[in-house]
Protein backbone atom coordinates (compact mmCIF):
# COMPACT_ATOMS: atom_id res chain seq x y z
CA UNK A 1 2.75 0.31 17.19
CA UNK A 2 3.52 1.47 13.67
CA UNK A 3 6.64 3.59 14.06
CA UNK A 4 9.95 3.44 12.17
CA UNK A 5 8.44 3.50 8.68
CA UNK A 6 6.59 0.22 9.12
CA UNK A 7 3.65 1.57 7.11
CA UNK A 8 5.81 0.84 4.08
CA UNK A 9 5.29 -2.86 4.72
CA UNK A 10 1.52 -2.45 4.42
CA UNK A 11 1.86 -0.33 1.29
CA UNK A 12 4.08 -2.99 -0.30
CA UNK A 13 1.64 -5.82 0.40
CA UNK A 14 -1.31 -3.82 -0.92
CA UNK A 15 0.46 -2.66 -4.08
CA UNK A 16 1.85 -6.10 -4.93
CA UNK A 17 -1.65 -7.50 -4.61
CA UNK A 18 -3.25 -4.72 -6.65
CA UNK A 19 -0.67 -5.00 -9.44
CA UNK A 20 -1.80 -8.61 -9.81
CA UNK A 21 -5.52 -7.87 -9.73
CA UNK A 22 -5.93 -9.12 -6.16
CA UNK A 23 -8.24 -6.97 -4.07
CA UNK A 24 -6.73 -5.91 -0.75
CA UNK A 25 -8.39 -4.19 2.19
CA UNK A 26 -6.47 -2.85 5.19
CA UNK A 27 -8.24 -2.99 8.56
CA UNK A 28 -6.57 -0.97 11.31
CA UNK A 29 -7.08 -2.43 14.77
CA UNK A 30 -7.22 -0.11 17.77
CA UNK A 31 -7.47 -1.06 21.41
CA UNK A 32 -11.03 -2.11 22.17
CA UNK A 33 -12.06 -2.72 18.55
CA UNK A 34 -14.06 -5.86 17.85
CA UNK A 35 -12.11 -7.99 15.37
CA UNK A 36 -12.70 -11.46 13.97
CA UNK A 37 -9.20 -12.67 13.19
CA UNK A 38 -10.64 -15.59 11.25
CA UNK A 39 -11.45 -13.09 8.49
CA UNK A 40 -7.85 -11.86 8.28
CA UNK A 41 -5.49 -13.02 5.54
CA UNK A 42 -2.28 -11.39 6.80
CA UNK A 43 -1.61 -9.99 10.26
CA UNK A 44 0.87 -7.16 10.73
CA UNK A 45 2.12 -5.43 13.86
CA UNK A 46 4.87 -2.86 13.80
CA UNK A 47 7.30 -1.33 16.26
CA UNK A 48 6.78 1.06 19.11
CA UNK A 49 8.43 2.48 22.18
CA UNK A 50 8.15 0.85 25.61
CA UNK A 51 5.31 3.23 26.48
CA UNK A 52 3.35 2.13 23.40
CA UNK A 53 3.87 -1.52 24.25
CA UNK A 54 2.56 -0.95 27.77
CA UNK A 55 -0.48 0.87 26.39
CA UNK A 56 -1.60 -1.95 24.12
CA UNK A 57 -0.35 -4.96 26.10
CA UNK A 58 -3.57 -5.75 28.00
CA UNK A 59 -5.68 -5.43 24.84
CA UNK A 60 -3.28 -7.66 22.88
CA UNK A 61 -3.23 -10.29 25.64
CA UNK A 62 -7.04 -10.38 25.61
CA UNK A 63 -6.88 -11.12 21.87
CA UNK A 64 -4.06 -13.64 22.30
CA UNK A 65 -6.10 -16.87 22.18
CA UNK A 66 -7.94 -15.78 19.01
CA UNK A 67 -4.71 -14.72 17.30
CA UNK A 68 -2.86 -17.90 18.30
CA UNK A 69 -5.73 -20.05 17.02
CA UNK A 70 -5.49 -18.50 13.55
CA UNK A 71 -1.68 -18.70 13.47
CA UNK A 72 -1.89 -22.39 14.36
CA UNK A 73 -4.15 -22.74 11.31
CA UNK A 74 -1.66 -21.01 9.02
CA UNK A 75 -2.42 -17.29 9.21
CA UNK A 76 0.68 -15.46 7.94
CA UNK A 77 1.90 -12.73 10.26
CA UNK A 78 4.72 -10.20 10.17
CA UNK A 79 5.72 -8.77 13.56
CA UNK A 80 8.39 -6.07 13.62
CA UNK A 81 10.46 -5.00 16.64
CA UNK A 82 7.98 -4.18 19.44
CA UNK A 83 5.38 -6.36 17.75
CA UNK A 84 7.91 -9.19 17.62
CA UNK A 85 8.66 -8.77 21.33
CA UNK A 86 4.99 -8.89 22.35
CA UNK A 87 4.41 -12.07 20.35
CA UNK A 88 6.87 -13.77 22.69
CA UNK A 89 6.13 -14.57 26.32
CA UNK A 90 7.12 -11.18 27.72
CA UNK A 91 9.34 -8.12 27.39
CA UNK A 92 11.18 -7.10 30.53
CA UNK A 93 12.28 -3.47 30.21
CA UNK A 94 15.62 -2.18 31.43
CA UNK A 95 13.73 -0.67 34.39
CA UNK A 96 12.50 -4.12 35.37
CA UNK A 97 8.87 -3.78 34.22
CA UNK A 98 7.57 -6.98 32.67
CA UNK A 99 5.17 -6.43 29.76
CA UNK A 100 3.22 -9.62 28.99
CA UNK A 101 3.12 -11.08 25.49
CA UNK A 102 0.89 -13.67 23.88
CA UNK A 103 3.41 -16.49 23.43
CA UNK A 104 3.16 -17.17 19.71
CA UNK A 105 6.94 -17.47 19.75
CA UNK A 106 8.63 -19.52 22.45
CA UNK A 107 10.83 -16.54 23.25
CA UNK A 108 11.31 -13.69 25.69
CA UNK A 109 12.95 -10.28 25.57
CA UNK A 110 15.00 -8.40 28.15
CA UNK A 111 16.02 -4.77 27.91
CA UNK A 112 19.73 -4.39 27.25
CA UNK A 113 22.09 -1.68 28.41
CA UNK A 114 23.05 -0.73 24.86
CA UNK A 115 21.00 0.32 21.85
CA UNK A 116 21.83 -1.59 18.67
CA UNK A 117 21.55 0.56 15.56
CA UNK A 118 22.58 -0.02 11.98
CA UNK A 119 22.22 -1.78 8.66
CA UNK A 120 21.52 -5.50 8.68
CA UNK A 121 21.99 -8.27 6.12
CA UNK A 122 20.45 -11.62 7.03
CA UNK A 123 20.90 -15.06 5.47
CA UNK A 124 17.56 -16.89 5.11
CA UNK A 125 18.76 -19.75 2.91
CA UNK A 126 17.39 -22.33 5.36
CA UNK A 127 13.89 -20.90 4.91
CA UNK A 128 14.19 -20.11 1.21
CA UNK A 129 14.70 -23.77 0.41
CA UNK A 130 11.57 -24.64 2.40
CA UNK A 131 9.62 -21.96 0.54
CA UNK A 132 10.81 -23.40 -2.76
CA UNK A 133 9.47 -26.82 -1.80
CA UNK A 134 6.24 -25.21 -0.68
CA UNK A 135 5.55 -22.78 -3.52
CA UNK A 136 8.19 -23.25 -6.21
CA UNK A 137 9.48 -20.22 -8.09
CA UNK A 138 6.70 -18.00 -6.69
CA UNK A 139 8.56 -17.84 -3.38
CA UNK A 140 11.64 -16.21 -4.92
CA UNK A 141 13.76 -18.37 -2.67
CA UNK A 142 15.79 -19.93 -5.48
CA UNK A 143 17.69 -16.77 -6.30
CA UNK A 144 17.18 -14.57 -3.23
CA UNK A 145 18.38 -15.90 0.08
CA UNK A 146 19.10 -12.64 1.90
CA UNK A 147 17.06 -9.93 3.57
CA UNK A 148 18.19 -6.36 4.21
CA UNK A 149 16.93 -3.87 6.74
CA UNK A 150 17.78 -1.48 9.53
CA UNK A 151 17.72 -2.34 13.22
CA UNK A 152 17.20 0.01 16.15
CA UNK A 153 16.53 -1.83 19.40
CA UNK A 154 17.84 -2.29 22.92
CA UNK A 155 15.74 -5.35 23.72
CA UNK A 156 17.51 -8.69 23.37
CA UNK A 157 15.27 -11.57 22.32
CA UNK A 158 16.15 -15.14 23.25
CA UNK A 159 14.54 -18.06 21.39
CA UNK A 160 13.60 -21.31 23.09
CA UNK A 161 12.10 -24.70 22.25
CA UNK A 162 10.77 -25.15 18.73
CA UNK A 163 10.97 -21.52 17.67
CA UNK A 164 13.70 -21.19 15.05
CA UNK A 165 15.50 -18.04 13.86
CA UNK A 166 14.18 -16.08 10.91
CA UNK A 167 17.73 -15.74 9.66
CA UNK A 168 21.42 -15.63 10.50
CA UNK A 169 23.28 -12.34 10.60
CA UNK A 170 25.79 -11.58 7.87
CA UNK A 171 26.15 -7.95 8.97
CA UNK A 172 24.55 -6.31 11.96
CA UNK A 173 23.76 -7.20 15.57
CA UNK A 174 20.71 -9.50 15.49
CA UNK A 175 18.44 -10.53 18.34
CA UNK A 176 21.03 -10.57 21.10
CA UNK A 177 23.59 -8.11 19.78
CA UNK A 178 26.15 -10.84 19.16
CA UNK A 179 25.84 -11.10 15.38
CA UNK A 180 24.22 -14.53 15.66
CA UNK A 181 20.62 -15.14 14.71
CA UNK A 182 17.88 -12.67 13.80
CA UNK A 183 14.13 -12.79 14.35
CA UNK A 184 11.94 -15.83 14.86
CA UNK A 185 9.67 -18.13 12.86
CA UNK A 186 6.71 -20.20 13.96
CA UNK A 187 4.55 -21.72 11.21
CA UNK A 188 3.74 -18.70 8.97
CA UNK A 189 4.45 -16.09 11.68
CA UNK A 190 7.67 -14.11 11.30
CA UNK A 191 9.15 -11.87 13.98
CA UNK A 192 12.05 -9.56 13.16
CA UNK A 193 13.96 -6.44 14.15
CA UNK A 194 14.35 -5.37 10.51
CA UNK A 195 12.91 -1.95 9.82
CA UNK A 196 13.55 0.15 6.82
CA UNK A 197 10.78 -0.78 5.80
CA UNK A 198 11.49 -4.49 5.37
CA UNK A 199 9.24 -5.51 2.48
CA UNK A 200 9.94 -2.84 -0.20
CA UNK A 201 13.58 -3.95 -0.50
CA UNK A 202 12.77 -7.65 -0.06
CA UNK A 203 9.86 -8.24 -2.45
CA UNK A 204 10.29 -12.04 -2.51
CA UNK A 205 9.43 -12.14 1.17
CA UNK A 206 6.36 -9.96 0.57
CA UNK A 207 5.29 -12.42 -2.13
CA UNK A 208 5.81 -15.32 0.23
CA UNK A 209 3.38 -13.75 2.72
CA UNK A 210 0.88 -13.22 -0.10
CA UNK A 211 1.23 -16.83 -1.26
CA UNK A 212 0.69 -18.07 2.29
CA UNK A 213 -2.45 -15.96 2.53
CA UNK A 214 -3.86 -17.13 -0.81
CA UNK A 215 -3.20 -20.78 -0.08
CA UNK A 216 -4.80 -20.53 3.33
CA UNK A 217 -7.88 -18.80 1.93
CA UNK A 218 -8.40 -20.61 -1.37
CA UNK A 219 -6.40 -23.82 -1.26
CA UNK A 220 -3.43 -24.50 -3.49
CA UNK A 221 -2.36 -21.55 -5.66
CA UNK A 222 0.25 -22.50 -8.24
CA UNK A 223 1.98 -19.16 -8.66
CA UNK A 224 1.75 -15.38 -8.60
CA UNK A 225 1.89 -13.18 -11.68
CA UNK A 226 5.54 -12.16 -12.01
CA UNK A 227 6.31 -8.47 -11.52
CA UNK A 228 9.23 -6.38 -12.72
CA UNK A 229 11.22 -6.11 -9.50
CA UNK A 230 14.35 -4.60 -11.04
CA UNK A 231 14.07 -1.40 -8.97
CA UNK A 232 13.40 -3.32 -5.77
CA UNK A 233 16.31 -5.68 -6.41
CA UNK A 234 18.59 -2.71 -7.10
CA UNK A 235 17.54 -1.21 -3.76
CA UNK A 236 18.22 -4.54 -2.06
CA UNK A 237 21.67 -4.86 -3.63
CA UNK A 238 22.50 -1.23 -2.80
CA UNK A 239 21.59 -1.87 0.83
CA UNK A 240 23.99 -4.81 0.93
CA UNK A 241 26.79 -2.67 -0.49
CA UNK A 242 26.03 0.13 1.96
CA UNK A 243 26.17 -2.31 4.87
CA UNK A 244 29.80 -3.04 4.03
CA UNK A 245 30.90 0.52 4.77
CA UNK A 246 28.12 2.11 6.87
CA UNK A 247 28.79 2.45 10.58
CA UNK A 248 26.82 0.48 13.14
CA UNK A 249 26.35 1.84 16.65
CA UNK A 250 26.05 0.18 20.03
CA UNK A 251 25.23 3.00 22.46
């Protein structure tokens, strides 16, 4: 469950920690591994094909209670595409197979007839203001209220109850292919269809995950050492410009 360049998200988190003198260790979890999620500071799960989701579903469900316990206590998590789907209640494939999830998000996914492919720009102003109140300037939310990425999914994810969208689509298809909302948020867990990878071109969101992790582990942390993000911001802005002219496909 780490296809579509999602390794770039891990690299971004590690590098942005290391550049600030924060030690970071990556622990890969395979089916059957013994893991104490209480020792984790950030949880990441990437995308995969339907076959990959079926392969890991039973193992993930067995870990569900332990994962949900830590998320309830503030563990930050980033779940991309297939990972996002399996953190809902279930994913029903286009063939009718129902793959169980662990229900972190009050959401479910059904396989659509069309595949949604293309550049995405998402408005996260509603969250950015919350992050500002939570962490101040360290969140980056004052000046950066968009995320950019690339979506490639046929599953359509419907949110229910208290699970709110991660963002609202400016360009692209979003969860249901209708250009409405994108992703999901519950506490510090974020589900999204944004590949690309997501974090290299959206460094303020990477820093938000790091701040959540530090505050959970050590108590209140005032701020992060500021980094020169001029290259990352240029990449972000270029992705927005490209989204205005690049074709999107629904096939």
